[in-house]
């Protein structure tokens, strides 16, 4: 019988509903999930996600051991007795003729040295183009907006959010159709954002007209 996700220690009915809403409706999916996917669920940190994943794997292993068919022991096949060999007649002694001494012949053997193969340099993994949407301008504690930083929600991400820090972000101002190039400086928020928001900083001031415009990340 396949185990349920509520059989995993620490997962109650409420947390099970949260997991199912995120697509983790089986123990196998939780066991194969990455830490980043599990920590995207509200209330699940790295430590809890790691415990859930390990417990799910142990639950699957114990379930597979219970359902594994019992193999019957193989019957030993006794070897057949070999027939007794007949005694071979004694060979007649042949006369040994003396061998004439000859001068030793030396042969030159050419040895080819193999050239070491030079391995091709490994290509670095290229991250496909990611884009995002401008959410708002950055505000300080007093509530005033910064004139050179914006908050961008990244979409179509293939790598961890921290991998995009330092990459270029290009925004087209709809007011004058001019392109502005900034740099992703850090992740927005004190902890990893579930909305994948980052801060983009420019060398010059930006206009509020760029809010909700598309951002190309290179």
N, C-alpha and C. Protein backbone atom coordinates (compact mmCIF):
# COMPACT_ATOMS: atom_id res chain seq x y z
N UNK A 1 0.85 -1.20 0.00
CA UNK A 1 0.00 0.00 0.00
C UNK A 1 0.88 1.25 0.00
N UNK A 2 0.59 2.16 -0.91
CA UNK A 2 1.41 3.38 -1.05
C UNK A 2 1.19 4.30 0.16
N UNK A 3 2.27 4.82 0.77
CA UNK A 3 2.13 5.71 1.93
C UNK A 3 1.55 7.06 1.54
N UNK A 4 0.90 7.72 2.51
CA UNK A 4 0.33 9.05 2.29
C UNK A 4 1.31 10.10 2.81
N UNK A 5 1.11 11.35 2.35
CA UNK A 5 2.03 12.41 2.79
C UNK A 5 1.85 12.73 4.27
N UNK A 6 0.66 12.41 4.82
CA UNK A 6 0.45 12.65 6.25
C UNK A 6 1.17 11.61 7.11
N UNK A 7 1.70 10.53 6.46
CA UNK A 7 2.51 9.55 7.19
C UNK A 7 3.91 10.08 7.48
N UNK A 8 4.30 11.16 6.82
CA UNK A 8 5.61 11.76 7.06
C UNK A 8 5.56 12.51 8.39
N UNK A 9 6.52 12.28 9.30
CA UNK A 9 6.52 12.98 10.59
C UNK A 9 6.58 14.49 10.41
N UNK A 10 5.73 15.20 11.15
CA UNK A 10 5.72 16.67 11.10
C UNK A 10 4.75 17.26 10.10
N UNK A 11 4.08 16.41 9.29
CA UNK A 11 3.11 16.91 8.30
C UNK A 11 1.70 16.57 8.77
N UNK A 12 0.97 17.61 9.16
CA UNK A 12 -0.42 17.45 9.55
C UNK A 12 -1.35 17.73 8.39
N UNK A 13 -2.63 17.86 8.71
CA UNK A 13 -3.64 18.08 7.67
C UNK A 13 -3.45 19.43 6.98
N UNK A 14 -3.13 20.48 7.77
CA UNK A 14 -3.00 21.83 7.19
C UNK A 14 -1.78 21.91 6.27
N UNK A 15 -0.64 21.37 6.75
CA UNK A 15 0.56 21.42 5.94
C UNK A 15 0.41 20.53 4.71
N UNK A 16 -0.33 19.43 4.85
CA UNK A 16 -0.58 18.55 3.70
C UNK A 16 -1.38 19.28 2.62
N UNK A 17 -2.35 20.11 3.04
CA UNK A 17 -3.13 20.89 2.07
C UNK A 17 -2.23 21.89 1.34
N UNK A 18 -1.31 22.54 2.10
CA UNK A 18 -0.38 23.49 1.47
C UNK A 18 0.52 22.80 0.45
N UNK A 19 0.98 21.59 0.80
CA UNK A 19 1.84 20.83 -0.11
C UNK A 19 1.09 20.42 -1.38
N UNK A 20 -0.18 19.99 -1.21
CA UNK A 20 -0.97 19.57 -2.37
C UNK A 20 -1.25 20.74 -3.31
N UNK A 21 -1.47 21.92 -2.72
CA UNK A 21 -1.72 23.11 -3.55
C UNK A 21 -0.50 23.44 -4.40
N UNK A 22 0.70 23.11 -3.90
CA UNK A 22 1.94 23.37 -4.65
C UNK A 22 2.32 22.21 -5.56
N UNK A 23 1.47 21.17 -5.63
CA UNK A 23 1.75 20.06 -6.54
C UNK A 23 2.41 18.87 -5.88
N UNK A 24 2.70 18.91 -4.56
CA UNK A 24 3.35 17.80 -3.86
C UNK A 24 2.27 16.95 -3.19
N UNK A 25 1.57 16.14 -4.01
CA UNK A 25 0.46 15.35 -3.48
C UNK A 25 0.84 13.91 -3.21
N UNK A 26 2.10 13.51 -3.41
CA UNK A 26 2.56 12.16 -3.11
C UNK A 26 3.87 12.22 -2.34
N UNK A 27 4.16 11.11 -1.62
CA UNK A 27 5.41 11.02 -0.85
C UNK A 27 6.61 11.03 -1.80
N UNK A 28 6.44 10.41 -2.97
CA UNK A 28 7.54 10.34 -3.95
C UNK A 28 7.92 11.73 -4.45
N UNK A 29 6.94 12.61 -4.71
CA UNK A 29 7.22 13.96 -5.19
C UNK A 29 7.97 14.78 -4.13
N UNK A 30 7.62 14.59 -2.85
CA UNK A 30 8.32 15.29 -1.77
C UNK A 30 9.76 14.80 -1.65
N UNK A 31 9.95 13.47 -1.81
CA UNK A 31 11.30 12.90 -1.70
C UNK A 31 12.21 13.38 -2.83
N UNK A 32 11.63 13.63 -4.03
CA UNK A 32 12.43 14.05 -5.18
C UNK A 32 12.49 15.56 -5.34
N UNK A 33 11.81 16.32 -4.47
CA UNK A 33 11.78 17.78 -4.59
C UNK A 33 13.11 18.38 -4.14
N UNK A 34 13.41 19.56 -4.68
CA UNK A 34 14.61 20.29 -4.25
C UNK A 34 14.28 21.15 -3.03
N UNK A 35 15.33 21.56 -2.30
CA UNK A 35 15.14 22.41 -1.12
C UNK A 35 14.51 23.74 -1.50
N UNK A 36 14.87 24.25 -2.68
CA UNK A 36 14.33 25.55 -3.11
C UNK A 36 12.82 25.46 -3.34
N UNK A 37 12.37 24.32 -3.91
CA UNK A 37 10.93 24.16 -4.17
C UNK A 37 10.15 24.03 -2.86
N UNK A 38 10.70 23.31 -1.89
CA UNK A 38 9.99 23.11 -0.63
C UNK A 38 9.99 24.37 0.23
N UNK A 39 11.09 25.14 0.19
CA UNK A 39 11.13 26.36 0.99
C UNK A 39 10.25 27.47 0.43
N UNK A 40 9.74 27.29 -0.79
CA UNK A 40 8.78 28.25 -1.34
C UNK A 40 7.40 28.13 -0.67
N UNK A 41 7.19 27.04 0.06
CA UNK A 41 5.91 26.83 0.74
C UNK A 41 5.93 27.62 2.05
N UNK A 42 4.86 28.36 2.36
CA UNK A 42 4.82 29.17 3.60
C UNK A 42 5.06 28.31 4.84
N UNK A 43 5.94 28.79 5.73
CA UNK A 43 6.19 28.11 7.00
C UNK A 43 7.21 26.99 6.90
N UNK A 44 7.83 26.78 5.74
CA UNK A 44 8.81 25.70 5.56
C UNK A 44 10.18 26.33 5.32
N UNK A 45 11.10 26.12 6.27
CA UNK A 45 12.46 26.61 6.12
C UNK A 45 13.37 25.52 5.57
N UNK A 46 14.67 25.82 5.47
CA UNK A 46 15.62 24.86 4.91
C UNK A 46 15.72 23.60 5.77
N UNK A 47 15.76 23.77 7.09
CA UNK A 47 15.91 22.62 8.01
C UNK A 47 14.67 21.73 7.91
N UNK A 48 13.48 22.35 7.95
CA UNK A 48 12.23 21.57 7.87
C UNK A 48 12.12 20.87 6.52
N UNK A 49 12.50 21.56 5.44
CA UNK A 49 12.42 20.97 4.10
C UNK A 49 13.34 19.77 3.98
N UNK A 50 14.54 19.86 4.57
CA UNK A 50 15.49 18.75 4.51
C UNK A 50 14.97 17.55 5.30
N UNK A 51 14.37 17.81 6.48
CA UNK A 51 13.81 16.72 7.30
C UNK A 51 12.65 16.04 6.56
N UNK A 52 11.79 16.84 5.94
CA UNK A 52 10.64 16.29 5.21
C UNK A 52 11.12 15.41 4.06
N UNK A 53 12.13 15.88 3.34
CA UNK A 53 12.61 15.12 2.19
C UNK A 53 13.25 13.80 2.62
N UNK A 54 14.06 13.84 3.70
CA UNK A 54 14.70 12.61 4.19
C UNK A 54 13.66 11.61 4.70
N UNK A 55 12.68 12.12 5.46
CA UNK A 55 11.64 11.24 6.00
C UNK A 55 10.83 10.61 4.88
N UNK A 56 10.59 11.35 3.79
CA UNK A 56 9.84 10.82 2.66
C UNK A 56 10.61 9.70 1.98
N UNK A 57 11.94 9.88 1.84
CA UNK A 57 12.77 8.84 1.22
C UNK A 57 12.79 7.56 2.07
N UNK A 58 12.91 7.73 3.39
CA UNK A 58 12.92 6.56 4.28
C UNK A 58 11.57 5.85 4.24
N UNK A 59 10.49 6.61 4.15
CA UNK A 59 9.15 6.02 4.09
C UNK A 59 8.97 5.21 2.81
N UNK A 60 9.51 5.73 1.68
CA UNK A 60 9.42 5.00 0.42
C UNK A 60 10.24 3.72 0.45
N UNK A 61 11.44 3.79 1.09
CA UNK A 61 12.31 2.61 1.17
C UNK A 61 11.66 1.51 2.00
N UNK A 62 11.08 1.90 3.14
CA UNK A 62 10.44 0.89 4.00
C UNK A 62 9.21 0.29 3.32
N UNK A 63 8.48 1.11 2.54
CA UNK A 63 7.30 0.60 1.84
C UNK A 63 7.69 -0.36 0.73
N UNK A 64 8.81 -0.07 0.03
CA UNK A 64 9.25 -0.95 -1.06
C UNK A 64 9.77 -2.28 -0.51
N UNK A 65 10.38 -2.25 0.70
CA UNK A 65 10.87 -3.49 1.31
C UNK A 65 9.71 -4.42 1.70
N UNK A 66 8.61 -3.80 2.17
CA UNK A 66 7.45 -4.61 2.57
C UNK A 66 6.78 -5.25 1.37
N UNK A 67 6.73 -4.55 0.23
CA UNK A 67 6.01 -5.04 -0.95
C UNK A 67 6.89 -5.88 -1.87
N UNK A 68 8.20 -5.98 -1.59
CA UNK A 68 9.10 -6.74 -2.47
C UNK A 68 8.78 -8.23 -2.39
N UNK A 69 8.67 -8.92 -3.55
CA UNK A 69 8.35 -10.36 -3.54
C UNK A 69 9.49 -11.18 -2.93
N UNK A 70 9.13 -12.25 -2.23
CA UNK A 70 10.11 -13.13 -1.59
C UNK A 70 10.64 -14.11 -2.62
N UNK A 71 11.94 -14.08 -2.82
CA UNK A 71 12.55 -14.98 -3.80
C UNK A 71 12.78 -16.36 -3.19
N UNK A 72 12.42 -17.39 -3.97
CA UNK A 72 12.65 -18.76 -3.51
C UNK A 72 14.13 -19.09 -3.63
N UNK A 73 14.65 -19.82 -2.66
CA UNK A 73 16.09 -20.18 -2.74
C UNK A 73 16.35 -21.11 -3.93
N UNK A 74 17.44 -20.83 -4.63
CA UNK A 74 17.79 -21.67 -5.78
C UNK A 74 18.26 -23.05 -5.33
N UNK A 75 17.78 -24.05 -6.07
CA UNK A 75 18.17 -25.43 -5.76
C UNK A 75 19.58 -25.68 -6.28
N UNK A 76 20.37 -26.32 -5.43
CA UNK A 76 21.74 -26.64 -5.80
C UNK A 76 21.75 -27.81 -6.79
N UNK A 77 22.44 -27.61 -7.88
CA UNK A 77 22.55 -28.67 -8.90
C UNK A 77 23.85 -29.42 -8.66
N UNK A 78 23.69 -30.69 -8.34
CA UNK A 78 24.88 -31.50 -8.06
C UNK A 78 25.61 -31.80 -9.37
N UNK A 79 26.92 -31.61 -9.39
CA UNK A 79 27.69 -31.89 -10.63
C UNK A 79 27.70 -33.39 -10.94
N UNK A 80 27.59 -33.66 -12.25
CA UNK A 80 27.62 -35.07 -12.68
C UNK A 80 29.03 -35.63 -12.53
N UNK A 81 29.04 -36.87 -12.12
CA UNK A 81 30.34 -37.54 -11.94
C UNK A 81 30.98 -37.80 -13.29
N UNK A 82 32.21 -37.36 -13.44
CA UNK A 82 32.92 -37.55 -14.70
C UNK A 82 33.40 -39.01 -14.81
N UNK A 83 33.29 -39.55 -16.03
CA UNK A 83 33.76 -40.95 -16.21
C UNK A 83 35.28 -41.05 -16.02
N UNK A 84 35.70 -42.15 -15.49
CA UNK A 84 37.13 -42.35 -15.25
C UNK A 84 37.88 -42.44 -16.58
N UNK A 85 38.98 -41.73 -16.65
CA UNK A 85 39.79 -41.74 -17.85
C UNK A 85 40.65 -43.01 -17.90
N UNK A 86 40.75 -43.52 -19.12
CA UNK A 86 41.59 -44.71 -19.31
C UNK A 86 43.05 -44.30 -19.27
N UNK A 87 43.82 -45.15 -18.72
CA UNK A 87 45.26 -44.87 -18.61
C UNK A 87 45.88 -44.86 -20.01
N UNK A 88 46.54 -43.74 -20.33
CA UNK A 88 47.17 -43.61 -21.65
C UNK A 88 48.45 -44.45 -21.70
N UNK A 89 48.70 -45.06 -22.87
CA UNK A 89 49.94 -45.86 -22.99
C UNK A 89 51.17 -44.96 -22.92
N UNK A 90 52.21 -45.48 -22.35
CA UNK A 90 53.44 -44.72 -22.21
C UNK A 90 54.05 -44.44 -23.58
N UNK A 91 54.46 -43.18 -23.76
CA UNK A 91 55.05 -42.79 -25.04
C UNK A 91 56.48 -43.35 -25.16
N UNK A 92 56.80 -43.70 -26.40
CA UNK A 92 58.14 -44.22 -26.64
C UNK A 92 59.16 -43.09 -26.58
N UNK A 93 60.29 -43.41 -26.03
CA UNK A 93 61.36 -42.43 -25.92
C UNK A 93 61.97 -42.18 -27.29
N UNK A 94 62.03 -40.90 -27.69
CA UNK A 94 62.64 -40.54 -28.96
C UNK A 94 64.11 -40.16 -28.75
N UNK A 95 64.87 -40.44 -29.78
CA UNK A 95 66.28 -40.08 -29.72
C UNK A 95 66.45 -38.59 -29.90
N UNK A 96 67.22 -37.98 -29.03
CA UNK A 96 67.46 -36.54 -29.08
C UNK A 96 68.74 -36.28 -29.85
N UNK A 97 68.59 -35.53 -30.95
CA UNK A 97 69.77 -35.19 -31.76
C UNK A 97 70.35 -33.88 -31.24
N UNK A 98 71.66 -33.78 -31.13
CA UNK A 98 72.29 -32.55 -30.61
C UNK A 98 72.05 -31.37 -31.55
N UNK A 99 71.80 -30.21 -30.98
CA UNK A 99 71.54 -28.99 -31.75
C UNK A 99 72.84 -28.22 -31.90
N UNK A 100 73.08 -27.80 -33.16
CA UNK A 100 74.30 -27.03 -33.42
C UNK A 100 74.17 -25.62 -32.85
N UNK A 101 75.25 -25.13 -32.31
CA UNK A 101 75.25 -23.79 -31.73
C UNK A 101 75.26 -22.75 -32.85
N UNK A 102 74.38 -21.77 -32.71
CA UNK A 102 74.31 -20.67 -33.68
C UNK A 102 74.54 -19.35 -32.97
N UNK A 103 74.98 -18.38 -33.75
CA UNK A 103 75.23 -17.07 -33.16
C UNK A 103 73.89 -16.37 -32.84
N UNK A 104 73.85 -15.69 -31.71
CA UNK A 104 72.58 -15.03 -31.35
C UNK A 104 72.25 -13.88 -32.30
N UNK A 105 70.98 -13.77 -32.64
CA UNK A 105 70.53 -12.72 -33.55
C UNK A 105 69.81 -11.65 -32.73
N UNK A 106 70.23 -10.41 -32.89
CA UNK A 106 69.60 -9.30 -32.15
C UNK A 106 68.63 -8.56 -33.07
N UNK A 107 67.42 -8.40 -32.63
CA UNK A 107 66.39 -7.70 -33.40
C UNK A 107 66.12 -6.34 -32.76
N UNK A 108 66.08 -5.33 -33.62
CA UNK A 108 65.75 -3.99 -33.14
C UNK A 108 64.23 -3.79 -33.17
N UNK A 109 63.70 -3.46 -32.02
CA UNK A 109 62.25 -3.27 -31.92
C UNK A 109 61.98 -1.79 -31.74
N UNK A 110 61.20 -1.24 -32.67
CA UNK A 110 60.82 0.17 -32.59
C UNK A 110 59.59 0.33 -31.71
N UNK A 111 59.68 1.22 -30.77
CA UNK A 111 58.54 1.48 -29.87
C UNK A 111 57.94 2.84 -30.18
N UNK A 112 56.66 2.85 -30.45
CA UNK A 112 55.97 4.11 -30.73
C UNK A 112 55.45 4.73 -29.44
N UNK A 113 55.70 5.99 -29.30
CA UNK A 113 55.22 6.71 -28.11
C UNK A 113 53.91 7.41 -28.46
N UNK A 114 52.90 7.12 -27.68
CA UNK A 114 51.59 7.74 -27.92
C UNK A 114 51.56 9.15 -27.34
N UNK A 115 51.07 10.05 -28.16
CA UNK A 115 50.92 11.43 -27.70
C UNK A 115 49.71 11.53 -26.77
N UNK A 116 49.87 12.25 -25.67
CA UNK A 116 48.73 12.40 -24.74
C UNK A 116 47.60 13.17 -25.41
N UNK A 117 46.40 12.68 -25.20
CA UNK A 117 45.22 13.34 -25.77
C UNK A 117 44.90 14.61 -24.97
N UNK A 118 44.67 15.64 -25.70
CA UNK A 118 44.31 16.91 -25.05
C UNK A 118 42.80 17.03 -25.03
N UNK A 119 42.26 17.05 -23.83
CA UNK A 119 40.80 17.15 -23.69
C UNK A 119 40.28 18.52 -24.08
N UNK A 120 39.11 18.51 -24.66
CA UNK A 120 38.48 19.78 -25.04
C UNK A 120 38.04 20.54 -23.79
N UNK A 121 38.24 21.84 -23.78
CA UNK A 121 37.79 22.62 -22.60
C UNK A 121 36.28 22.54 -22.43
N UNK A 122 35.90 22.38 -21.17
CA UNK A 122 34.46 22.29 -20.89
C UNK A 122 33.79 23.65 -21.10
N UNK A 123 32.64 23.57 -21.77
CA UNK A 123 31.88 24.80 -22.00
C UNK A 123 31.08 25.15 -20.75
N UNK A 124 31.09 26.42 -20.43
CA UNK A 124 30.31 26.87 -19.29
C UNK A 124 28.83 26.84 -19.63
N UNK A 125 28.04 26.48 -18.63
CA UNK A 125 26.59 26.41 -18.83
C UNK A 125 26.04 27.81 -19.05
N UNK A 126 25.31 27.98 -20.18
CA UNK A 126 24.75 29.28 -20.51
C UNK A 126 23.32 29.35 -19.99
N UNK A 127 23.05 30.39 -19.21
CA UNK A 127 21.69 30.59 -18.68
C UNK A 127 20.85 31.28 -19.75
N UNK A 128 19.69 30.72 -20.06
CA UNK A 128 18.83 31.32 -21.06
C UNK A 128 18.31 32.67 -20.56
N UNK A 129 17.86 33.48 -21.52
CA UNK A 129 17.45 34.85 -21.19
C UNK A 129 16.25 34.85 -20.25
N UNK A 130 16.38 35.64 -19.20
CA UNK A 130 15.32 35.79 -18.21
C UNK A 130 14.74 37.19 -18.33
N UNK A 131 13.45 37.31 -18.05
CA UNK A 131 12.84 38.63 -18.09
C UNK A 131 12.06 38.85 -16.81
N UNK A 132 11.60 40.06 -16.61
CA UNK A 132 10.86 40.39 -15.41
C UNK A 132 9.95 41.58 -15.65
N UNK A 133 9.29 42.03 -14.57
CA UNK A 133 8.36 43.15 -14.63
C UNK A 133 8.69 44.12 -13.50
N UNK A 134 8.75 45.41 -13.81
CA UNK A 134 9.01 46.43 -12.79
C UNK A 134 7.80 46.52 -11.85
N UNK A 135 8.04 46.32 -10.53
CA UNK A 135 6.96 46.36 -9.54
C UNK A 135 6.78 47.77 -8.99
N UNK A 136 7.88 48.41 -8.59
CA UNK A 136 7.79 49.75 -8.00
C UNK A 136 9.18 50.35 -7.86
N UNK A 137 9.22 51.63 -7.48
CA UNK A 137 10.49 52.26 -7.13
C UNK A 137 10.86 51.89 -5.70
N UNK A 138 12.13 51.95 -5.37
CA UNK A 138 12.58 51.62 -4.01
C UNK A 138 12.30 52.82 -3.10
N UNK A 139 11.67 52.54 -1.94
CA UNK A 139 11.37 53.58 -0.95
C UNK A 139 12.22 53.38 0.29
N UNK A 140 12.60 54.49 0.94
CA UNK A 140 13.37 54.38 2.18
C UNK A 140 12.41 54.28 3.36
N UNK A 141 12.95 54.29 4.61
CA UNK A 141 12.13 54.12 5.81
C UNK A 141 11.12 55.25 6.00
N UNK A 142 11.46 56.45 5.52
CA UNK A 142 10.57 57.60 5.67
C UNK A 142 9.42 57.51 4.67
N UNK A 143 9.61 56.74 3.59
CA UNK A 143 8.57 56.61 2.58
C UNK A 143 8.90 57.30 1.29
N UNK A 144 10.05 57.99 1.25
CA UNK A 144 10.44 58.68 0.04
C UNK A 144 11.04 57.68 -0.95
N UNK A 145 10.76 57.87 -2.25
CA UNK A 145 11.25 56.95 -3.26
C UNK A 145 12.66 57.31 -3.70
N UNK A 146 13.46 56.28 -3.97
CA UNK A 146 14.81 56.49 -4.49
C UNK A 146 14.70 56.77 -5.98
N UNK A 147 15.55 57.61 -6.50
CA UNK A 147 15.44 57.99 -7.91
C UNK A 147 16.31 57.15 -8.84
N UNK A 148 16.99 56.12 -8.30
CA UNK A 148 17.83 55.33 -9.19
C UNK A 148 17.75 53.82 -8.92
N UNK A 149 16.76 53.36 -8.16
CA UNK A 149 16.61 51.93 -7.88
C UNK A 149 15.16 51.51 -8.03
N UNK A 150 14.94 50.29 -8.54
CA UNK A 150 13.58 49.76 -8.72
C UNK A 150 13.52 48.33 -8.21
N UNK A 151 12.28 47.87 -7.94
CA UNK A 151 12.04 46.47 -7.55
C UNK A 151 11.49 45.75 -8.77
N UNK A 152 12.12 44.61 -9.14
CA UNK A 152 11.72 43.84 -10.32
C UNK A 152 11.39 42.41 -9.91
N UNK A 153 10.25 41.90 -10.39
CA UNK A 153 9.91 40.49 -10.18
C UNK A 153 10.41 39.70 -11.39
N UNK A 154 11.34 38.74 -11.13
CA UNK A 154 11.91 37.94 -12.21
C UNK A 154 10.97 36.80 -12.60
N UNK A 155 10.91 36.52 -13.90
CA UNK A 155 10.11 35.43 -14.44
C UNK A 155 11.01 34.56 -15.32
N UNK A 156 10.58 33.33 -15.56
CA UNK A 156 11.34 32.39 -16.41
C UNK A 156 12.75 32.17 -15.89
N UNK A 157 12.87 32.00 -14.54
CA UNK A 157 14.20 31.77 -13.94
C UNK A 157 14.53 30.29 -13.98
N UNK A 158 15.79 29.96 -14.35
CA UNK A 158 16.24 28.57 -14.41
C UNK A 158 17.27 28.25 -13.34
N UNK A 159 17.80 29.27 -12.68
CA UNK A 159 18.84 29.10 -11.67
C UNK A 159 18.37 29.70 -10.35
N UNK A 160 19.07 29.41 -9.25
CA UNK A 160 18.73 30.05 -7.98
C UNK A 160 18.78 31.57 -8.11
N UNK A 161 17.96 32.25 -7.31
CA UNK A 161 17.81 33.70 -7.42
C UNK A 161 19.15 34.42 -7.23
N UNK A 162 20.01 33.89 -6.36
CA UNK A 162 21.31 34.54 -6.10
C UNK A 162 22.23 34.52 -7.32
N UNK A 163 21.97 33.60 -8.29
CA UNK A 163 22.82 33.52 -9.47
C UNK A 163 22.65 34.72 -10.40
N UNK A 164 21.56 35.47 -10.22
CA UNK A 164 21.29 36.60 -11.11
C UNK A 164 21.89 37.92 -10.59
N UNK A 165 22.45 37.90 -9.38
CA UNK A 165 23.07 39.12 -8.84
C UNK A 165 24.29 39.49 -9.67
N UNK A 166 24.38 40.76 -10.09
CA UNK A 166 25.49 41.24 -10.90
C UNK A 166 25.21 41.25 -12.39
N UNK A 167 24.06 40.67 -12.82
CA UNK A 167 23.72 40.65 -14.25
C UNK A 167 23.02 41.94 -14.66
N UNK A 168 23.09 42.24 -15.96
CA UNK A 168 22.50 43.46 -16.49
C UNK A 168 20.98 43.33 -16.61
N UNK A 169 20.29 44.45 -16.39
CA UNK A 169 18.84 44.52 -16.57
C UNK A 169 18.53 45.72 -17.47
N UNK A 170 17.81 45.46 -18.58
CA UNK A 170 17.52 46.50 -19.56
C UNK A 170 16.03 46.84 -19.52
N UNK A 171 15.73 48.13 -19.37
CA UNK A 171 14.34 48.62 -19.31
C UNK A 171 14.17 49.70 -20.39
N UNK A 172 13.03 49.64 -21.10
CA UNK A 172 12.72 50.68 -22.08
C UNK A 172 11.67 51.61 -21.49
N UNK A 173 12.01 52.89 -21.39
CA UNK A 173 11.10 53.90 -20.84
C UNK A 173 10.01 54.20 -21.87
N UNK A 174 8.73 53.87 -21.58
CA UNK A 174 7.66 54.11 -22.55
C UNK A 174 7.41 55.60 -22.81
N UNK A 175 7.91 56.45 -21.93
CA UNK A 175 7.67 57.88 -22.08
C UNK A 175 8.48 58.45 -23.25
N UNK A 176 9.76 58.01 -23.39
CA UNK A 176 10.61 58.54 -24.46
C UNK A 176 11.23 57.43 -25.32
N UNK A 177 10.84 56.15 -25.04
CA UNK A 177 11.30 54.99 -25.81
C UNK A 177 12.83 54.83 -25.76
N UNK A 178 13.45 55.28 -24.65
CA UNK A 178 14.89 55.14 -24.47
C UNK A 178 15.19 53.94 -23.58
N UNK A 179 16.26 53.18 -23.93
CA UNK A 179 16.66 52.03 -23.14
C UNK A 179 17.57 52.46 -22.00
N UNK A 180 17.34 51.87 -20.82
CA UNK A 180 18.16 52.13 -19.64
C UNK A 180 18.77 50.81 -19.17
N UNK A 181 20.07 50.81 -18.90
CA UNK A 181 20.77 49.60 -18.47
C UNK A 181 21.18 49.74 -17.02
N UNK A 182 20.69 48.80 -16.19
CA UNK A 182 21.05 48.79 -14.77
C UNK A 182 21.68 47.46 -14.39
N UNK A 183 21.91 47.26 -13.09
CA UNK A 183 22.54 46.03 -12.60
C UNK A 183 21.75 45.51 -11.40
N UNK A 184 21.54 44.17 -11.38
CA UNK A 184 20.88 43.54 -10.24
C UNK A 184 21.87 43.51 -9.08
N UNK A 185 21.53 44.18 -7.98
CA UNK A 185 22.48 44.30 -6.86
C UNK A 185 22.22 43.27 -5.76
N UNK A 186 20.96 42.99 -5.44
CA UNK A 186 20.66 42.02 -4.38
C UNK A 186 19.20 41.60 -4.44
N UNK A 187 18.87 40.58 -3.63
CA UNK A 187 17.50 40.07 -3.55
C UNK A 187 16.70 41.00 -2.63
N UNK A 188 15.47 41.28 -3.01
CA UNK A 188 14.63 42.18 -2.22
C UNK A 188 14.06 41.44 -1.02
N UNK A 189 14.19 42.01 0.17
CA UNK A 189 13.67 41.39 1.39
C UNK A 189 14.78 40.81 2.24
N UNK A 190 14.45 40.57 3.54
CA UNK A 190 15.46 40.05 4.48
C UNK A 190 15.75 38.58 4.23
N UNK A 191 14.78 37.81 3.71
CA UNK A 191 15.02 36.41 3.41
C UNK A 191 14.64 36.15 1.96
N UNK A 192 14.88 34.93 1.50
CA UNK A 192 14.62 34.60 0.09
C UNK A 192 13.15 34.86 -0.24
N UNK A 193 12.92 35.67 -1.24
CA UNK A 193 11.56 36.07 -1.60
C UNK A 193 10.86 34.97 -2.39
N UNK A 194 9.61 34.66 -1.99
CA UNK A 194 8.84 33.68 -2.75
C UNK A 194 8.37 34.28 -4.07
N UNK A 195 8.34 35.62 -4.16
CA UNK A 195 7.91 36.30 -5.39
C UNK A 195 9.07 36.53 -6.35
N UNK A 196 10.30 36.14 -5.98
CA UNK A 196 11.50 36.31 -6.81
C UNK A 196 11.72 37.77 -7.18
N UNK A 197 11.67 38.64 -6.18
CA UNK A 197 11.89 40.07 -6.39
C UNK A 197 13.35 40.42 -6.14
N UNK A 198 13.92 41.28 -7.02
CA UNK A 198 15.30 41.72 -6.87
C UNK A 198 15.35 43.25 -7.01
N UNK A 199 16.47 43.81 -6.55
CA UNK A 199 16.68 45.26 -6.67
C UNK A 199 17.60 45.51 -7.86
N UNK A 200 17.19 46.44 -8.74
CA UNK A 200 17.99 46.85 -9.89
C UNK A 200 18.39 48.31 -9.68
N UNK A 201 19.69 48.59 -9.77
CA UNK A 201 20.19 49.96 -9.56
C UNK A 201 20.73 50.52 -10.88
N UNK A 202 20.40 51.81 -11.12
CA UNK A 202 20.86 52.51 -12.31
C UNK A 202 21.83 53.63 -11.91
N UNK A 203 22.62 54.09 -12.90
CA UNK A 203 23.56 55.18 -12.64
C UNK A 203 22.90 56.55 -12.65
N UNK A 204 21.67 56.60 -13.20
CA UNK A 204 20.94 57.87 -13.23
C UNK A 204 19.52 57.65 -12.74
N UNK A 205 18.82 58.72 -12.53
CA UNK A 205 17.47 58.63 -11.98
C UNK A 205 16.51 58.00 -12.99
N UNK A 206 15.48 57.33 -12.44
CA UNK A 206 14.49 56.66 -13.27
C UNK A 206 13.13 57.32 -13.08
N UNK A 207 12.26 57.12 -14.06
CA UNK A 207 10.94 57.73 -14.05
C UNK A 207 9.90 56.73 -13.57
N UNK A 208 8.87 57.17 -12.84
CA UNK A 208 7.79 56.25 -12.42
C UNK A 208 7.03 55.64 -13.59
N UNK A 209 7.22 56.17 -14.80
CA UNK A 209 6.53 55.65 -15.97
C UNK A 209 6.97 54.22 -16.34
N UNK A 210 8.12 53.79 -15.81
CA UNK A 210 8.60 52.45 -16.17
C UNK A 210 7.96 51.35 -15.34
N UNK A 211 7.12 51.70 -14.36
CA UNK A 211 6.43 50.69 -13.54
C UNK A 211 5.53 49.84 -14.44
N UNK A 212 5.55 48.52 -14.23
CA UNK A 212 4.79 47.53 -14.98
C UNK A 212 5.33 47.33 -16.41
N UNK A 213 6.55 47.84 -16.70
CA UNK A 213 7.15 47.58 -18.00
C UNK A 213 8.05 46.35 -17.92
N UNK A 214 8.34 45.78 -19.08
CA UNK A 214 9.14 44.55 -19.15
C UNK A 214 10.62 44.86 -18.95
N UNK A 215 11.32 43.94 -18.27
CA UNK A 215 12.77 44.05 -18.02
C UNK A 215 13.45 42.83 -18.62
N UNK A 216 14.47 43.05 -19.45
CA UNK A 216 15.26 41.96 -20.03
C UNK A 216 16.54 41.80 -19.22
N UNK A 217 16.79 40.55 -18.77
CA UNK A 217 18.00 40.26 -17.97
C UNK A 217 19.00 39.53 -18.86
N UNK A 218 20.25 40.02 -18.89
CA UNK A 218 21.30 39.40 -19.70
C UNK A 218 22.48 39.00 -18.84
